[in-house]
Structure formats: C-alpha cells, structure tokens
C-alpha cells in the first residue's frame, strides 16, 4: 500500500483515520509512505515499526526533482514571487500595485449613484428601506449612522457575482483562472480544497466547463468505446 501525504497523520481531524488504517492493515501488506513535511520522521517510523513489528527503512533527499514556482493570481494575471527557492520581490511589488490600482481607485459611476442618500441602495430620510441617518432601516447599506463613504466602501467590497465569500464569486474566479492557465498552456491543474463540502460544491459548479478540443473529445470517445 502506498500512502501519499502521510503527514496528515498529524492532522487533528484526519490523523486518527490514518492511524487506524496503519494499525488495522493485515501483516502481509507492505507500506510505502511518502511526504515532504513530516517533522518527526524518525519518531513516526519507530512507531510504525513497533506497531507493525517490522523494520522500517527511512530514506530522503533534499533535492526537488521538479522545481517549485510560486505565483500570486490577481485580477486575471499571475505574478511570479518565488522561483527555485528564491523570493522575487519584483513579482510581489507588481501584484501589490495591481491590487492598489483596483482597490484604491474611486468608485464607479454606478457605485456613486447607489451610494447617494436618495439612491436605490442609500439610506436618506424617507428612502425605501433606509432609516434616518443612512442605512439603519431594513435594506440600508450603511452601518448605524452610516454615510455615503461607508456605503461606497461596502459596495466596493462586494464581488462581481455576489461577494468574495459566496460560491458564485469563487466560481467565476476559478473559471477565469482556468481560462488564463489554458491560454498559457499550463493545464491540467490541481486545486486543493480543504473540506469535502467545498470540493463537492466546486465540482458541481464547474461541471459544465469544457476543457477539451474536438480532436481530444474524439480521442477520448474512441478510447472509451474500445
């Protein structure tokens, strides 16, 4: 049996499952465990050896066969910030400038209209949904005693598809990212989701995404039919 990412044995939620699998494996099953981040590898190997009553061989290397490249993705662009274990400050600077250019810019015309005291989302006296003082009533944008500036900030913080914390906004970000990676010929790509629920929702939300050409579809169809 091969166990990849065996450092999850230290995870507070999933570690007990890994321990049970190792303990309950039949004696005739051999184990190959892979990880790059086990902190106490010798202690862990000693525990496995005592538990399974077998000799455990530990081997490792400090050489990475595939060099890692770290990048920040923002606004449809990727900014390389790390390459071959070297930090690249220029990439971080460019990403910061891009963020500032988008977030420190003034509100759009639509946002300005919505932020007016008599605007649709505003909170002037007598405005629909707005209480006196701007936004105290039901449906108002601002916080208690809110102003046009507070409303403007709240509008600007909302994502294009419902806000950064909604799956609608996240789905669009994933679609944009995958499209950009496709143009740079960086597909396939693996996304890590840190919960099964989020993994399932991402799969369901991206189910209609087409990642193959006509020729590739024909090749897949031929392979499946065989």
C-alpha atoms as a PDB file:
ATOM      1  CA  UNK A   1       0.000   0.000   0.000  1.00  0.00           C
ATOM      2  CA  UNK A   2       1.288   3.468  -0.914  1.00  0.00           C
ATOM      3  CA  UNK A   3       0.324   6.360   1.366  1.00  0.00           C
ATOM      4  CA  UNK A   4       0.944   9.791  -0.135  1.00  0.00           C
ATOM      5  CA  UNK A   5       0.903  12.918   2.072  1.00  0.00           C
ATOM      6  CA  UNK A   6       1.312  10.728   5.142  1.00  0.00           C
ATOM      7  CA  UNK A   7       1.973  13.857   7.240  1.00  0.00           C
ATOM      8  CA  UNK A   8      -1.825  14.042   7.583  1.00  0.00           C
ATOM      9  CA  UNK A   9      -1.336  11.585  10.411  1.00  0.00           C
ATOM     10  CA  UNK A  10      -0.604  14.715  12.477  1.00  0.00           C
ATOM     11  CA  UNK A  11      -3.897  16.345  11.433  1.00  0.00           C
ATOM     12  CA  UNK A  12      -6.258  16.905  14.349  1.00  0.00           C
ATOM     13  CA  UNK A  13      -9.325  15.745  12.398  1.00  0.00           C
ATOM     14  CA  UNK A  14      -7.997  13.123   9.987  1.00  0.00           C
ATOM     15  CA  UNK A  15      -4.983  11.804  11.836  1.00  0.00           C
ATOM     16  CA  UNK A  16      -6.938   9.157  13.730  1.00  0.00           C
ATOM     17  CA  UNK A  17      -8.147   7.660  10.434  1.00  0.00           C
ATOM     18  CA  UNK A  18      -4.569   7.329   9.181  1.00  0.00           C
ATOM     19  CA  UNK A  19      -3.546   5.690  12.444  1.00  0.00           C
ATOM     20  CA  UNK A  20      -6.417   3.202  12.269  1.00  0.00           C
ATOM     21  CA  UNK A  21      -5.573   2.264   8.680  1.00  0.00           C
ATOM     22  CA  UNK A  22      -1.933   1.606   9.571  1.00  0.00           C
ATOM     23  CA  UNK A  23      -2.856  -0.373  12.688  1.00  0.00           C
ATOM     24  CA  UNK A  24      -5.578  -2.470  11.020  1.00  0.00           C
ATOM     25  CA  UNK A  25      -3.671  -3.384   7.850  1.00  0.00           C
ATOM     26  CA  UNK A  26      -3.066  -7.144   7.533  1.00  0.00           C
ATOM     27  CA  UNK A  27       0.532  -8.188   8.321  1.00  0.00           C
ATOM     28  CA  UNK A  28       1.253  -9.248   4.726  1.00  0.00           C
ATOM     29  CA  UNK A  29       0.571  -5.760   3.325  1.00  0.00           C
ATOM     30  CA  UNK A  30       3.693  -3.696   2.785  1.00  0.00           C
ATOM     31  CA  UNK A  31       3.603   0.076   3.224  1.00  0.00           C
ATOM     32  CA  UNK A  32       5.362   2.809   1.270  1.00  0.00           C
ATOM     33  CA  UNK A  33       4.771   6.219   2.835  1.00  0.00           C
ATOM     34  CA  UNK A  34       5.601   9.488   1.075  1.00  0.00           C
ATOM     35  CA  UNK A  35       5.768  13.001   2.480  1.00  0.00           C
ATOM     36  CA  UNK A  36       7.906  16.103   2.238  1.00  0.00           C
ATOM     37  CA  UNK A  37       6.846  17.685   5.510  1.00  0.00           C
ATOM     38  CA  UNK A  38       6.837  15.082   8.305  1.00  0.00           C
ATOM     39  CA  UNK A  39       8.646  16.928  11.118  1.00  0.00           C
ATOM     40  CA  UNK A  40       9.478  13.940  13.344  1.00  0.00           C
ATOM     41  CA  UNK A  41      10.142  11.318  10.702  1.00  0.00           C
ATOM     42  CA  UNK A  42      12.292   9.053  12.896  1.00  0.00           C
ATOM     43  CA  UNK A  43       9.757   9.019  15.733  1.00  0.00           C
ATOM     44  CA  UNK A  44       6.975   8.246  13.257  1.00  0.00           C
ATOM     45  CA  UNK A  45       8.991   5.449  11.619  1.00  0.00           C
ATOM     46  CA  UNK A  46       9.732   3.990  15.062  1.00  0.00           C
ATOM     47  CA  UNK A  47       6.014   3.973  15.920  1.00  0.00           C
ATOM     48  CA  UNK A  48       5.099   2.253  12.646  1.00  0.00           C
ATOM     49  CA  UNK A  49       7.845  -0.336  13.159  1.00  0.00           C
ATOM     50  CA  UNK A  50       6.682  -1.160  16.685  1.00  0.00           C
ATOM     51  CA  UNK A  51       3.030  -1.225  15.648  1.00  0.00           C
ATOM     52  CA  UNK A  52       3.541  -3.491  12.621  1.00  0.00           C
ATOM     53  CA  UNK A  53       6.526  -5.384  14.111  1.00  0.00           C
ATOM     54  CA  UNK A  54       8.557  -4.707  11.016  1.00  0.00           C
ATOM     55  CA  UNK A  55      11.801  -2.988  10.132  1.00  0.00           C
ATOM     56  CA  UNK A  56      11.117   0.453   8.657  1.00  0.00           C
ATOM     57  CA  UNK A  57      13.650   1.997   6.301  1.00  0.00           C
ATOM     58  CA  UNK A  58      13.745   5.796   6.147  1.00  0.00           C
ATOM     59  CA  UNK A  59      15.180   7.498   3.100  1.00  0.00           C
ATOM     60  CA  UNK A  60      15.039  11.038   1.835  1.00  0.00           C
ATOM     61  CA  UNK A  61      16.599  13.708  -0.301  1.00  0.00           C
ATOM     62  CA  UNK A  62      16.981  17.464  -0.192  1.00  0.00           C
ATOM     63  CA  UNK A  63      16.833  17.730  -3.990  1.00  0.00           C
ATOM     64  CA  UNK A  64      13.481  18.605  -5.554  1.00  0.00           C
ATOM     65  CA  UNK A  65      13.158  16.909  -8.988  1.00  0.00           C
ATOM     66  CA  UNK A  66      10.566  19.454 -10.144  1.00  0.00           C
ATOM     67  CA  UNK A  67      11.432  22.997  -9.016  1.00  0.00           C
ATOM     68  CA  UNK A  68       8.565  24.905  -7.485  1.00  0.00           C
ATOM     69  CA  UNK A  69       7.430  28.232  -8.846  1.00  0.00           C
ATOM     70  CA  UNK A  70       5.260  30.362  -6.572  1.00  0.00           C
ATOM     71  CA  UNK A  71       2.923  32.940  -8.030  1.00  0.00           C
ATOM     72  CA  UNK A  72       0.157  35.272  -6.903  1.00  0.00           C
ATOM     73  CA  UNK A  73      -3.000  35.356  -9.007  1.00  0.00           C
ATOM     74  CA  UNK A  74      -4.910  38.606  -9.004  1.00  0.00           C
ATOM     75  CA  UNK A  75      -7.112  40.397 -11.481  1.00  0.00           C
ATOM     76  CA  UNK A  76      -6.629  37.832 -14.227  1.00  0.00           C
ATOM     77  CA  UNK A  77      -2.836  37.894 -14.088  1.00  0.00           C
ATOM     78  CA  UNK A  78      -0.165  35.775 -12.434  1.00  0.00           C
ATOM     79  CA  UNK A  79       2.800  37.382 -10.701  1.00  0.00           C
ATOM     80  CA  UNK A  80       5.789  35.130 -10.020  1.00  0.00           C
ATOM     81  CA  UNK A  81       7.053  35.699  -6.482  1.00  0.00           C
ATOM     82  CA  UNK A  82       9.273  32.673  -5.975  1.00  0.00           C
ATOM     83  CA  UNK A  83      11.445  30.549  -8.254  1.00  0.00           C
ATOM     84  CA  UNK A  84      13.978  27.842  -7.372  1.00  0.00           C
ATOM     85  CA  UNK A  85      13.688  28.669  -3.664  1.00  0.00           C
ATOM     86  CA  UNK A  86      14.410  32.338  -4.324  1.00  0.00           C
ATOM     87  CA  UNK A  87      11.996  35.130  -3.421  1.00  0.00           C
ATOM     88  CA  UNK A  88      11.332  37.576  -6.262  1.00  0.00           C
ATOM     89  CA  UNK A  89      10.342  40.928  -4.750  1.00  0.00           C
ATOM     90  CA  UNK A  90       9.501  42.438  -8.131  1.00  0.00           C
ATOM     91  CA  UNK A  91       6.642  39.995  -8.631  1.00  0.00           C
ATOM     92  CA  UNK A  92       5.241  40.855  -5.210  1.00  0.00           C
ATOM     93  CA  UNK A  93       5.594  44.559  -5.965  1.00  0.00           C
ATOM     94  CA  UNK A  94       3.716  44.231  -9.253  1.00  0.00           C
ATOM     95  CA  UNK A  95       0.919  42.266  -7.586  1.00  0.00           C
ATOM     96  CA  UNK A  96       0.664  44.901  -4.838  1.00  0.00           C
ATOM     97  CA  UNK A  97       0.484  47.691  -7.406  1.00  0.00           C
ATOM     98  CA  UNK A  98      -2.280  45.832  -9.251  1.00  0.00           C
ATOM     99  CA  UNK A  99      -4.241  45.427  -6.017  1.00  0.00           C
ATOM    100  CA  UNK A 100      -3.809  49.074  -5.102  1.00  0.00           C
ATOM    101  CA  UNK A 101      -4.783  50.185  -8.591  1.00  0.00           C
ATOM    102  CA  UNK A 102      -8.073  48.329  -8.302  1.00  0.00           C
ATOM    103  CA  UNK A 103      -8.951  48.873  -4.669  1.00  0.00           C
ATOM    104  CA  UNK A 104      -7.747  52.421  -4.165  1.00  0.00           C
ATOM    105  CA  UNK A 105      -9.420  53.718  -7.303  1.00  0.00           C
ATOM    106  CA  UNK A 106     -12.547  55.819  -6.886  1.00  0.00           C
ATOM    107  CA  UNK A 107     -15.967  54.208  -7.102  1.00  0.00           C
ATOM    108  CA  UNK A 108     -17.566  53.661 -10.468  1.00  0.00           C
ATOM    109  CA  UNK A 109     -20.459  55.804 -11.656  1.00  0.00           C
ATOM    110  CA  UNK A 110     -22.948  53.073 -10.768  1.00  0.00           C
ATOM    111  CA  UNK A 111     -21.482  52.808  -7.281  1.00  0.00           C
ATOM    112  CA  UNK A 112     -21.657  56.566  -6.838  1.00  0.00           C
ATOM    113  CA  UNK A 113     -25.337  56.586  -7.826  1.00  0.00           C
ATOM    114  CA  UNK A 114     -26.097  53.723  -5.442  1.00  0.00           C
ATOM    115  CA  UNK A 115     -24.265  55.493  -2.623  1.00  0.00           C
ATOM    116  CA  UNK A 116     -26.261  58.716  -2.866  1.00  0.00           C
ATOM    117  CA  UNK A 117     -28.660  59.423   0.009  1.00  0.00           C
ATOM    118  CA  UNK A 118     -31.588  59.274  -2.400  1.00  0.00           C
ATOM    119  CA  UNK A 119     -30.157  56.361  -4.360  1.00  0.00           C
ATOM    120  CA  UNK A 120     -31.756  52.967  -4.588  1.00  0.00           C
ATOM    121  CA  UNK A 121     -29.457  51.402  -2.037  1.00  0.00           C
ATOM    122  CA  UNK A 122     -28.923  54.504   0.076  1.00  0.00           C
ATOM    123  CA  UNK A 123     -30.440  55.468   3.326  1.00  0.00           C
ATOM    124  CA  UNK A 124     -31.715  59.035   3.217  1.00  0.00           C
ATOM    125  CA  UNK A 125     -34.731  60.056   5.243  1.00  0.00           C
ATOM    126  CA  UNK A 126     -37.780  58.555   3.641  1.00  0.00           C
ATOM    127  CA  UNK A 127     -35.804  56.449   1.164  1.00  0.00           C
ATOM    128  CA  UNK A 128     -37.162  52.982   0.645  1.00  0.00           C
ATOM    129  CA  UNK A 129     -35.535  50.577   3.028  1.00  0.00           C
ATOM    130  CA  UNK A 130     -33.375  53.289   4.592  1.00  0.00           C
ATOM    131  CA  UNK A 131     -33.692  54.631   8.068  1.00  0.00           C
ATOM    132  CA  UNK A 132     -32.817  58.106   9.202  1.00  0.00           C
ATOM    133  CA  UNK A 133     -29.080  58.612   9.282  1.00  0.00           C
ATOM    134  CA  UNK A 134     -28.431  56.407   6.274  1.00  0.00           C
ATOM    135  CA  UNK A 135     -28.922  52.687   6.274  1.00  0.00           C
ATOM    136  CA  UNK A 136     -30.243  51.940   9.744  1.00  0.00           C
ATOM    137  CA  UNK A 137     -33.526  50.675   8.398  1.00  0.00           C
ATOM    138  CA  UNK A 138     -34.130  47.404   6.666  1.00  0.00           C
ATOM    139  CA  UNK A 139     -32.250  47.087   3.422  1.00  0.00           C
ATOM    140  CA  UNK A 140     -29.901  50.020   4.066  1.00  0.00           C
ATOM    141  CA  UNK A 141     -26.231  49.705   3.100  1.00  0.00           C
ATOM    142  CA  UNK A 142     -24.504  51.672   5.801  1.00  0.00           C
ATOM    143  CA  UNK A 143     -23.881  50.738   9.364  1.00  0.00           C
ATOM    144  CA  UNK A 144     -25.500  52.643  12.198  1.00  0.00           C
ATOM    145  CA  UNK A 145     -25.243  56.312  11.388  1.00  0.00           C
ATOM    146  CA  UNK A 146     -23.790  55.312   8.001  1.00  0.00           C
ATOM    147  CA  UNK A 147     -22.642  57.805   5.413  1.00  0.00           C
ATOM    148  CA  UNK A 148     -22.137  57.796   1.675  1.00  0.00           C
ATOM    149  CA  UNK A 149     -18.477  56.872   2.251  1.00  0.00           C
ATOM    150  CA  UNK A 150     -19.452  53.837   4.335  1.00  0.00           C
ATOM    151  CA  UNK A 151     -21.945  52.752   1.699  1.00  0.00           C
ATOM    152  CA  UNK A 152     -19.376  53.259  -1.025  1.00  0.00           C
ATOM    153  CA  UNK A 153     -16.870  51.055   0.767  1.00  0.00           C
ATOM    154  CA  UNK A 154     -19.491  48.373   1.290  1.00  0.00           C
ATOM    155  CA  UNK A 155     -20.420  48.414  -2.388  1.00  0.00           C
ATOM    156  CA  UNK A 156     -16.781  48.262  -3.451  1.00  0.00           C
ATOM    157  CA  UNK A 157     -16.209  45.236  -1.212  1.00  0.00           C
ATOM    158  CA  UNK A 158     -18.862  43.200  -2.941  1.00  0.00           C
ATOM    159  CA  UNK A 159     -17.755  40.654  -5.502  1.00  0.00           C
ATOM    160  CA  UNK A 160     -18.892  40.665  -9.098  1.00  0.00           C
ATOM    161  CA  UNK A 161     -21.014  37.608  -8.503  1.00  0.00           C
ATOM    162  CA  UNK A 162     -22.312  38.204  -5.033  1.00  0.00           C
ATOM    163  CA  UNK A 163     -19.218  38.851  -2.992  1.00  0.00           C
ATOM    164  CA  UNK A 164     -15.891  37.214  -2.318  1.00  0.00           C
ATOM    165  CA  UNK A 165     -17.340  34.823   0.250  1.00  0.00           C
ATOM    166  CA  UNK A 166     -20.050  33.395  -1.977  1.00  0.00           C
ATOM    167  CA  UNK A 167     -19.546  30.411  -4.245  1.00  0.00           C
ATOM    168  CA  UNK A 168     -20.854  32.429  -7.174  1.00  0.00           C
ATOM    169  CA  UNK A 169     -17.907  34.799  -6.909  1.00  0.00           C
ATOM    170  CA  UNK A 170     -15.467  31.967  -6.285  1.00  0.00           C
ATOM    171  CA  UNK A 171     -16.812  30.003  -9.255  1.00  0.00           C
ATOM    172  CA  UNK A 172     -16.209  32.909 -11.603  1.00  0.00           C
ATOM    173  CA  UNK A 173     -12.705  33.341 -10.221  1.00  0.00           C
ATOM    174  CA  UNK A 174     -11.964  29.662 -10.874  1.00  0.00           C
ATOM    175  CA  UNK A 175     -13.326  29.888 -14.412  1.00  0.00           C
ATOM    176  CA  UNK A 176     -11.199  32.975 -15.100  1.00  0.00           C
ATOM    177  CA  UNK A 177      -8.125  31.307 -13.600  1.00  0.00           C
ATOM    178  CA  UNK A 178      -8.588  28.105 -15.601  1.00  0.00           C
ATOM    179  CA  UNK A 179      -9.089  30.129 -18.774  1.00  0.00           C
ATOM    180  CA  UNK A 180      -5.882  32.061 -18.139  1.00  0.00           C
ATOM    181  CA  UNK A 181      -3.941  28.856 -17.410  1.00  0.00           C
ATOM    182  CA  UNK A 182      -5.301  27.340 -20.618  1.00  0.00           C
ATOM    183  CA  UNK A 183      -4.046  30.277 -22.677  1.00  0.00           C
ATOM    184  CA  UNK A 184      -0.607  29.873 -21.105  1.00  0.00           C
ATOM    185  CA  UNK A 185      -0.749  26.112 -21.760  1.00  0.00           C
ATOM    186  CA  UNK A 186      -0.450  25.371 -18.049  1.00  0.00           C
ATOM    187  CA  UNK A 187      -3.270  22.818 -17.902  1.00  0.00           C
ATOM    188  CA  UNK A 188      -4.013  20.378 -16.396  1.00  0.00           C
ATOM    189  CA  UNK A 189      -4.089  21.913 -12.956  1.00  0.00           C
ATOM    190  CA  UNK A 190      -4.876  20.557  -9.497  1.00  0.00           C
ATOM    191  CA  UNK A 191      -6.904  22.584  -6.974  1.00  0.00           C
ATOM    192  CA  UNK A 192      -6.703  21.793  -3.284  1.00  0.00           C
ATOM    193  CA  UNK A 193      -9.878  22.226  -1.265  1.00  0.00           C
ATOM    194  CA  UNK A 194      -9.579  21.832   2.476  1.00  0.00           C
ATOM    195  CA  UNK A 195     -13.016  20.337   3.004  1.00  0.00           C
ATOM    196  CA  UNK A 196     -15.080  17.697   1.222  1.00  0.00           C
ATOM    197  CA  UNK A 197     -18.088  20.014   1.105  1.00  0.00           C
ATOM    198  CA  UNK A 198     -16.126  22.720  -0.682  1.00  0.00           C
ATOM    199  CA  UNK A 199     -14.623  20.156  -3.038  1.00  0.00           C
ATOM    200  CA  UNK A 200     -18.081  18.844  -3.967  1.00  0.00           C
ATOM    201  CA  UNK A 201     -19.509  22.334  -4.475  1.00  0.00           C
ATOM    202  CA  UNK A 202     -16.585  23.282  -6.710  1.00  0.00           C
ATOM    203  CA  UNK A 203     -17.036  20.181  -8.837  1.00  0.00           C
ATOM    204  CA  UNK A 204     -20.777  20.771  -9.162  1.00  0.00           C
ATOM    205  CA  UNK A 205     -20.293  24.426 -10.022  1.00  0.00           C
ATOM    206  CA  UNK A 206     -17.680  23.741 -12.716  1.00  0.00           C
ATOM    207  CA  UNK A 207     -19.390  20.717 -14.212  1.00  0.00           C
ATOM    208  CA  UNK A 208     -20.221  22.480 -17.475  1.00  0.00           C
ATOM    209  CA  UNK A 209     -16.679  23.735 -18.085  1.00  0.00           C
ATOM    210  CA  UNK A 210     -15.305  22.451 -21.412  1.00  0.00           C
ATOM    211  CA  UNK A 211     -11.577  21.714 -21.222  1.00  0.00           C
ATOM    212  CA  UNK A 212     -11.060  19.623 -24.355  1.00  0.00           C
ATOM    213  CA  UNK A 213     -10.828  20.352 -28.064  1.00  0.00           C
ATOM    214  CA  UNK A 214     -12.811  18.500 -30.731  1.00  0.00           C
ATOM    215  CA  UNK A 215      -9.806  16.324 -31.520  1.00  0.00           C
ATOM    216  CA  UNK A 216      -9.328  15.476 -27.858  1.00  0.00           C
ATOM    217  CA  UNK A 217     -13.025  14.651 -27.493  1.00  0.00           C
ATOM    218  CA  UNK A 218     -12.733  12.251 -30.433  1.00  0.00           C
ATOM    219  CA  UNK A 219      -9.681  10.590 -28.879  1.00  0.00           C
ATOM    220  CA  UNK A 220     -11.475  10.198 -25.551  1.00  0.00           C
ATOM    221  CA  UNK A 221     -14.591   8.817 -27.211  1.00  0.00           C
ATOM    222  CA  UNK A 222     -12.549   6.301 -29.211  1.00  0.00           C
ATOM    223  CA  UNK A 223     -10.688   5.176 -26.101  1.00  0.00           C
ATOM    224  CA  UNK A 224     -13.883   4.718 -24.092  1.00  0.00           C
ATOM    225  CA  UNK A 225     -15.609   2.785 -26.875  1.00  0.00           C
ATOM    226  CA  UNK A 226     -12.769   0.285 -27.004  1.00  0.00           C
END
